[in-house]
Amino acid sequence: MISVLIGLISGYAGGRTDMTTQRLVDGWMCFPDLIILIVAVSVLGPGTWQVIIILGLLFGISGSRIVRGAVLTAKENVYVHAAKSMGASTTWILWRHILPNVMPPIIVLYTTRLAAVILAESGLSFLGLGIPPPAPSWGGMLSLDGRSYMFVAPWLAIMPGLALAIAVFGINMFGDALRDLLDPRMRGGTGRYIAKVSKKPAAPQK
């Protein structure tokens, strides 16, 4: 939601609004993600809602550049200019014409960033800065029982690590499949998940 909101406003408004917003986004992206997470959690304290807000801001602001690029392309289409000439409001154009046409990259962005968010939360929980117990967390399981009883009961570390790896790998593959299916440049037999059109052999020349 943060990526969509910032990307829509910045890409459609253009001019000084776009320039100011993108310079703030560039400044935000200059800081390492792990440093921002540790500092923010240390200030706000560990907790479920604190982690959700921090991770949402961290990945939402940086992901807005992808949405902005899609909006810059979509707003130059003929139907957007036709809606402007008919007197449609900015809210109506964004909701009815821009947003539906930038949904494919937004869906792909969501699936790819979801795996990164899971890894970031697991890292925070492993360091003791994430979701506090007794709330379940794979990173917390690896940090507490998994590390303490690694040689006595190795499955306490193997199972959370295996579940984390399977979840992240599955989400990444799902996002890759969505990208191939939704990207128009992947159609016509060039996408991985699209059946290739068989080429007929050339007729022999006489």
C-alpha atoms as a PDB file:
ATOM      1  CA  MET A   1       0.000   0.000   0.000  1.00  0.00           C
ATOM      2  CA  ILE A   2       2.839   2.406   0.783  1.00  0.00           C
ATOM      3  CA  SER A   3       4.577   1.613  -2.511  1.00  0.00           C
ATOM      4  CA  VAL A   4       1.333   2.092  -4.468  1.00  0.00           C
ATOM      5  CA  LEU A   5       0.444   5.364  -2.740  1.00  0.00           C
ATOM      6  CA  ILE A   6       3.862   6.968  -3.161  1.00  0.00           C
ATOM      7  CA  GLY A   7       4.359   5.610  -6.684  1.00  0.00           C
ATOM      8  CA  LEU A   8       0.949   6.776  -7.932  1.00  0.00           C
ATOM      9  CA  ILE A   9       1.280  10.291  -6.550  1.00  0.00           C
ATOM     10  CA  SER A  10       4.911  10.746  -7.588  1.00  0.00           C
ATOM     11  CA  GLY A  11       4.553   9.272 -11.072  1.00  0.00           C
ATOM     12  CA  TYR A  12       1.284  10.963 -12.011  1.00  0.00           C
ATOM     13  CA  ALA A  13       1.971  14.399 -10.501  1.00  0.00           C
ATOM     14  CA  GLY A  14       5.458  14.789 -11.990  1.00  0.00           C
ATOM     15  CA  GLY A  15       7.348  18.066 -11.783  1.00  0.00           C
ATOM     16  CA  ARG A  16       8.529  19.269  -8.401  1.00  0.00           C
ATOM     17  CA  THR A  17       6.378  16.775  -6.540  1.00  0.00           C
ATOM     18  CA  ASP A  18       8.031  13.892  -8.334  1.00  0.00           C
ATOM     19  CA  MET A  19      11.511  15.346  -7.932  1.00  0.00           C
ATOM     20  CA  THR A  20      11.100  16.026  -4.199  1.00  0.00           C
ATOM     21  CA  THR A  21       9.557  12.622  -3.512  1.00  0.00           C
ATOM     22  CA  GLN A  22      12.241  10.738  -5.426  1.00  0.00           C
ATOM     23  CA  ARG A  23      15.057  12.596  -3.689  1.00  0.00           C
ATOM     24  CA  LEU A  24      13.554  11.592  -0.333  1.00  0.00           C
ATOM     25  CA  VAL A  25      13.271   7.997  -1.547  1.00  0.00           C
ATOM     26  CA  ASP A  26      16.898   8.083  -2.730  1.00  0.00           C
ATOM     27  CA  GLY A  27      17.996   9.382   0.666  1.00  0.00           C
ATOM     28  CA  TRP A  28      16.025   6.635   2.409  1.00  0.00           C
ATOM     29  CA  MET A  29      17.591   3.945   0.215  1.00  0.00           C
ATOM     30  CA  CYS A  30      21.114   5.179   0.982  1.00  0.00           C
ATOM     31  CA  PHE A  31      20.931   3.677   4.477  1.00  0.00           C
ATOM     32  CA  PRO A  32      21.495  -0.088   4.838  1.00  0.00           C
ATOM     33  CA  ASP A  33      18.295  -2.002   5.538  1.00  0.00           C
ATOM     34  CA  LEU A  34      19.695  -3.885   8.525  1.00  0.00           C
ATOM     35  CA  ILE A  35      20.899  -0.672  10.210  1.00  0.00           C
ATOM     36  CA  ILE A  36      17.470   0.941   9.795  1.00  0.00           C
ATOM     37  CA  LEU A  37      15.742  -2.146  11.201  1.00  0.00           C
ATOM     38  CA  ILE A  38      17.999  -2.415  14.255  1.00  0.00           C
ATOM     39  CA  VAL A  39      17.830   1.300  15.068  1.00  0.00           C
ATOM     40  CA  ALA A  40      14.057   1.525  14.590  1.00  0.00           C
ATOM     41  CA  VAL A  41      13.319  -1.575  16.650  1.00  0.00           C
ATOM     42  CA  SER A  42      15.713  -0.405  19.369  1.00  0.00           C
ATOM     43  CA  VAL A  43      13.854   2.925  19.585  1.00  0.00           C
ATOM     44  CA  LEU A  44      10.289   1.595  19.321  1.00  0.00           C
ATOM     45  CA  GLY A  45      10.923  -1.669  21.185  1.00  0.00           C
ATOM     46  CA  PRO A  46      10.192  -5.237  20.081  1.00  0.00           C
ATOM     47  CA  GLY A  47       6.613  -6.144  19.268  1.00  0.00           C
ATOM     48  CA  THR A  48       4.367  -7.417  16.514  1.00  0.00           C
ATOM     49  CA  TRP A  49       2.957  -4.053  15.413  1.00  0.00           C
ATOM     50  CA  GLN A  50       6.356  -2.361  15.673  1.00  0.00           C
ATOM     51  CA  VAL A  51       7.885  -4.944  13.341  1.00  0.00           C
ATOM     52  CA  ILE A  52       4.966  -4.663  10.891  1.00  0.00           C
ATOM     53  CA  ILE A  53       5.212  -0.867  10.723  1.00  0.00           C
ATOM     54  CA  ILE A  54       8.999  -0.813  10.398  1.00  0.00           C
ATOM     55  CA  LEU A  55       9.140  -3.488   7.696  1.00  0.00           C
ATOM     56  CA  GLY A  56       6.212  -1.877   5.862  1.00  0.00           C
ATOM     57  CA  LEU A  57       7.952   1.496   5.740  1.00  0.00           C
ATOM     58  CA  LEU A  58      11.325  -0.002   4.848  1.00  0.00           C
ATOM     59  CA  PHE A  59      10.185  -2.074   1.882  1.00  0.00           C
ATOM     60  CA  GLY A  60       7.241   0.143   0.944  1.00  0.00           C
ATOM     61  CA  ILE A  61       9.269   3.302   0.373  1.00  0.00           C
ATOM     62  CA  SER A  62      11.990   1.550  -1.628  1.00  0.00           C
ATOM     63  CA  GLY A  63       9.433  -0.371  -3.729  1.00  0.00           C
ATOM     64  CA  SER A  64       7.639   2.819  -4.751  1.00  0.00           C
ATOM     65  CA  ARG A  65      10.164   3.433  -7.526  1.00  0.00           C
ATOM     66  CA  ILE A  66       8.926   0.368  -9.408  1.00  0.00           C
ATOM     67  CA  VAL A  67       5.316   1.552  -9.181  1.00  0.00           C
ATOM     68  CA  ARG A  68       6.365   5.050 -10.245  1.00  0.00           C
ATOM     69  CA  GLY A  69       8.028   3.690 -13.387  1.00  0.00           C
ATOM     70  CA  ALA A  70       4.878   1.803 -14.334  1.00  0.00           C
ATOM     71  CA  VAL A  71       2.730   4.894 -13.717  1.00  0.00           C
ATOM     72  CA  LEU A  72       4.982   7.059 -15.907  1.00  0.00           C
ATOM     73  CA  THR A  73       4.359   4.656 -18.771  1.00  0.00           C
ATOM     74  CA  ALA A  74       0.619   4.220 -18.160  1.00  0.00           C
ATOM     75  CA  LYS A  75      -0.224   7.928 -17.906  1.00  0.00           C
ATOM     76  CA  GLU A  76       0.986   8.570 -21.473  1.00  0.00           C
ATOM     77  CA  ASN A  77      -1.639   6.257 -22.980  1.00  0.00           C
ATOM     78  CA  VAL A  78      -4.402   7.665 -25.174  1.00  0.00           C
ATOM     79  CA  TYR A  79      -7.253   6.733 -22.840  1.00  0.00           C
ATOM     80  CA  VAL A  80      -5.710   8.801 -20.031  1.00  0.00           C
ATOM     81  CA  HIS A  81      -5.521  11.874 -22.266  1.00  0.00           C
ATOM     82  CA  ALA A  82      -9.106  11.208 -23.383  1.00  0.00           C
ATOM     83  CA  ALA A  83     -10.269  11.065 -19.758  1.00  0.00           C
ATOM     84  CA  LYS A  84      -8.520  14.375 -19.048  1.00  0.00           C
ATOM     85  CA  SER A  85     -10.137  16.021 -22.065  1.00  0.00           C
ATOM     86  CA  MET A  86     -13.565  14.855 -20.851  1.00  0.00           C
ATOM     87  CA  GLY A  87     -12.999  16.568 -17.501  1.00  0.00           C
ATOM     88  CA  ALA A  88     -12.361  13.489 -15.337  1.00  0.00           C
ATOM     89  CA  SER A  89     -10.884  14.219 -11.919  1.00  0.00           C
ATOM     90  CA  THR A  90      -7.398  13.124 -10.891  1.00  0.00           C
ATOM     91  CA  THR A  91      -8.789  10.653  -8.356  1.00  0.00           C
ATOM     92  CA  TRP A  92     -11.033   9.064 -10.990  1.00  0.00           C
ATOM     93  CA  ILE A  93      -8.164   8.754 -13.493  1.00  0.00           C
ATOM     94  CA  LEU A  94      -5.859   7.192 -10.912  1.00  0.00           C
ATOM     95  CA  TRP A  95      -8.506   4.759  -9.656  1.00  0.00           C
ATOM     96  CA  ARG A  96     -10.154   3.761 -12.954  1.00  0.00           C
ATOM     97  CA  HIS A  97      -7.392   4.086 -15.546  1.00  0.00           C
ATOM     98  CA  ILE A  98      -3.924   4.122 -13.987  1.00  0.00           C
ATOM     99  CA  LEU A  99      -4.175   1.645 -11.103  1.00  0.00           C
ATOM    100  CA  PRO A 100      -5.776  -1.261 -13.057  1.00  0.00           C
ATOM    101  CA  ASN A 101      -3.067  -1.010 -15.718  1.00  0.00           C
ATOM    102  CA  VAL A 102      -0.161  -1.068 -13.246  1.00  0.00           C
ATOM    103  CA  MET A 103      -1.493  -3.996 -11.197  1.00  0.00           C
ATOM    104  CA  PRO A 104       0.759  -6.661 -12.848  1.00  0.00           C
ATOM    105  CA  PRO A 105       4.030  -5.068 -11.637  1.00  0.00           C
ATOM    106  CA  ILE A 106       2.411  -4.364  -8.268  1.00  0.00           C
ATOM    107  CA  ILE A 107       1.484  -8.037  -7.846  1.00  0.00           C
ATOM    108  CA  VAL A 108       4.988  -9.133  -8.814  1.00  0.00           C
ATOM    109  CA  LEU A 109       6.479  -6.529  -6.471  1.00  0.00           C
ATOM    110  CA  TYR A 110       4.351  -7.838  -3.614  1.00  0.00           C
ATOM    111  CA  THR A 111       5.344 -11.465  -4.107  1.00  0.00           C
ATOM    112  CA  THR A 112       9.058 -10.749  -4.455  1.00  0.00           C
ATOM    113  CA  ARG A 113       9.186  -8.390  -1.461  1.00  0.00           C
ATOM    114  CA  LEU A 114       7.187 -10.792   0.716  1.00  0.00           C
ATOM    115  CA  ALA A 115      10.075 -13.271   0.787  1.00  0.00           C
ATOM    116  CA  ALA A 116      12.502 -10.478   1.730  1.00  0.00           C
ATOM    117  CA  VAL A 117      10.189  -9.356   4.537  1.00  0.00           C
ATOM    118  CA  ILE A 118      10.026 -12.902   5.932  1.00  0.00           C
ATOM    119  CA  LEU A 119      13.826 -13.106   5.965  1.00  0.00           C
ATOM    120  CA  ALA A 120      14.126  -9.670   7.579  1.00  0.00           C
ATOM    121  CA  GLU A 121      11.649 -10.565  10.335  1.00  0.00           C
ATOM    122  CA  SER A 122      13.441 -13.848  10.960  1.00  0.00           C
ATOM    123  CA  GLY A 123      16.737 -12.009  11.267  1.00  0.00           C
ATOM    124  CA  LEU A 124      15.288  -9.554  13.766  1.00  0.00           C
ATOM    125  CA  SER A 125      13.735 -12.349  15.807  1.00  0.00           C
ATOM    126  CA  PHE A 126      17.020 -14.258  15.760  1.00  0.00           C
ATOM    127  CA  LEU A 127      18.755 -11.183  17.221  1.00  0.00           C
ATOM    128  CA  GLY A 128      16.022 -10.806  19.854  1.00  0.00           C
ATOM    129  CA  LEU A 129      14.607  -7.610  18.312  1.00  0.00           C
ATOM    130  CA  GLY A 130      11.629  -9.078  16.483  1.00  0.00           C
ATOM    131  CA  ILE A 131       8.368 -10.589  17.673  1.00  0.00           C
ATOM    132  CA  PRO A 132       8.773 -11.443  21.376  1.00  0.00           C
ATOM    133  CA  PRO A 133       7.822 -14.892  22.707  1.00  0.00           C
ATOM    134  CA  PRO A 134       5.454 -16.641  23.143  1.00  0.00           C
ATOM    135  CA  ALA A 135       4.426 -15.464  19.642  1.00  0.00           C
ATOM    136  CA  PRO A 136       5.742 -18.003  17.090  1.00  0.00           C
ATOM    137  CA  SER A 137       8.586 -16.953  14.812  1.00  0.00           C
ATOM    138  CA  TRP A 138      10.985 -19.084  12.795  1.00  0.00           C
ATOM    139  CA  GLY A 139      13.848 -16.749  13.639  1.00  0.00           C
ATOM    140  CA  GLY A 140      12.991 -16.946  17.323  1.00  0.00           C
ATOM    141  CA  MET A 141      12.880 -20.753  17.152  1.00  0.00           C
ATOM    142  CA  LEU A 142      16.350 -20.794  15.616  1.00  0.00           C
ATOM    143  CA  SER A 143      17.686 -18.380  18.222  1.00  0.00           C
ATOM    144  CA  LEU A 144      16.234 -19.915  21.402  1.00  0.00           C
ATOM    145  CA  ASP A 145      15.746 -23.680  21.422  1.00  0.00           C
ATOM    146  CA  GLY A 146      17.431 -24.303  18.085  1.00  0.00           C
ATOM    147  CA  ARG A 147      20.741 -22.765  19.124  1.00  0.00           C
ATOM    148  CA  SER A 148      20.675 -23.966  22.749  1.00  0.00           C
ATOM    149  CA  TYR A 149      19.964 -27.617  21.950  1.00  0.00           C
ATOM    150  CA  MET A 150      21.571 -27.834  18.516  1.00  0.00           C
ATOM    151  CA  PHE A 151      23.659 -30.922  19.320  1.00  0.00           C
ATOM    152  CA  VAL A 152      21.197 -32.616  21.668  1.00  0.00           C
ATOM    153  CA  ALA A 153      18.060 -32.141  19.535  1.00  0.00           C
ATOM    154  CA  PRO A 154      19.154 -30.904  16.094  1.00  0.00           C
ATOM    155  CA  TRP A 155      15.614 -31.039  14.712  1.00  0.00           C
ATOM    156  CA  LEU A 156      14.775 -27.958  16.793  1.00  0.00           C
ATOM    157  CA  ALA A 157      17.020 -25.965  14.428  1.00  0.00           C
ATOM    158  CA  ILE A 158      16.575 -28.022  11.263  1.00  0.00           C
ATOM    159  CA  MET A 159      12.794 -27.825  11.048  1.00  0.00           C
ATOM    160  CA  PRO A 160      12.410 -23.997  11.440  1.00  0.00           C
ATOM    161  CA  GLY A 161      15.317 -23.437   9.039  1.00  0.00           C
ATOM    162  CA  LEU A 162      13.854 -25.867   6.514  1.00  0.00           C
ATOM    163  CA  ALA A 163      10.395 -24.276   6.782  1.00  0.00           C
ATOM    164  CA  LEU A 164      11.920 -20.822   6.310  1.00  0.00           C
ATOM    165  CA  ALA A 165      13.895 -21.940   3.251  1.00  0.00           C
ATOM    166  CA  ILE A 166      10.883 -23.649   1.646  1.00  0.00           C
ATOM    167  CA  ALA A 167       8.618 -20.642   2.249  1.00  0.00           C
ATOM    168  CA  VAL A 168      11.090 -18.118   0.818  1.00  0.00           C
ATOM    169  CA  PHE A 169      11.941 -20.337  -2.166  1.00  0.00           C
ATOM    170  CA  GLY A 170       8.270 -21.020  -2.911  1.00  0.00           C
ATOM    171  CA  ILE A 171       7.318 -17.331  -2.769  1.00  0.00           C
ATOM    172  CA  ASN A 172      10.243 -16.372  -5.022  1.00  0.00           C
ATOM    173  CA  MET A 173       9.293 -19.011  -7.594  1.00  0.00           C
ATOM    174  CA  PHE A 174       5.653 -17.899  -7.437  1.00  0.00           C
ATOM    175  CA  GLY A 175       6.690 -14.295  -8.071  1.00  0.00           C
ATOM    176  CA  ASP A 176       8.904 -15.384 -10.974  1.00  0.00           C
ATOM    177  CA  ALA A 177       5.987 -17.312 -12.494  1.00  0.00           C
ATOM    178  CA  LEU A 178       3.679 -14.303 -12.127  1.00  0.00           C
ATOM    179  CA  ARG A 179       6.237 -12.081 -13.812  1.00  0.00           C
ATOM    180  CA  ASP A 180       6.455 -14.416 -16.791  1.00  0.00           C
ATOM    181  CA  LEU A 181       2.668 -14.703 -17.022  1.00  0.00           C
ATOM    182  CA  LEU A 182       1.819 -11.020 -16.613  1.00  0.00           C
ATOM    183  CA  ASP A 183       4.654  -9.414 -18.568  1.00  0.00           C
ATOM    184  CA  PRO A 184       3.427  -8.736 -22.138  1.00  0.00           C
ATOM    185  CA  ARG A 185       6.994  -9.084 -23.418  1.00  0.00           C
ATOM    186  CA  MET A 186       6.982 -12.715 -22.239  1.00  0.00           C
ATOM    187  CA  ARG A 187       3.969 -13.717 -24.357  1.00  0.00           C
ATOM    188  CA  GLY A 188       3.975 -15.346 -27.743  1.00  0.00           C
ATOM    189  CA  GLY A 189       6.083 -18.329 -26.714  1.00  0.00           C
ATOM    190  CA  THR A 190       8.941 -16.463 -25.023  1.00  0.00           C
ATOM    191  CA  GLY A 191       7.805 -16.881 -21.415  1.00  0.00           C
ATOM    192  CA  ARG A 192       8.915 -19.785 -19.271  1.00  0.00           C
ATOM    193  CA  TYR A 193       5.370 -20.743 -18.364  1.00  0.00           C
ATOM    194  CA  ILE A 194       3.850 -20.130 -21.803  1.00  0.00           C
ATOM    195  CA  ALA A 195       3.758 -22.940 -24.338  1.00  0.00           C
ATOM    196  CA  LYS A 196       6.136 -22.216 -27.162  1.00  0.00           C
ATOM    197  CA  VAL A 197       4.718 -22.006 -30.627  1.00  0.00           C
ATOM    198  CA  SER A 198       6.150 -24.766 -32.724  1.00  0.00           C
ATOM    199  CA  LYS A 199       7.769 -23.594 -35.883  1.00  0.00           C
ATOM    200  CA  LYS A 200       6.897 -25.362 -39.083  1.00  0.00           C
ATOM    201  CA  PRO A 201       9.831 -26.620 -41.128  1.00  0.00           C
ATOM    202  CA  ALA A 202      10.568 -24.527 -44.170  1.00  0.00           C
ATOM    203  CA  ALA A 203       9.422 -25.974 -47.476  1.00  0.00           C
ATOM    204  CA  PRO A 204      12.279 -27.235 -49.655  1.00  0.00           C
ATOM    205  CA  GLN A 205      13.199 -24.941 -52.467  1.00  0.00           C
ATOM    206  CA  LYS A 206      12.771 -26.204 -56.005  1.00  0.00           C
END
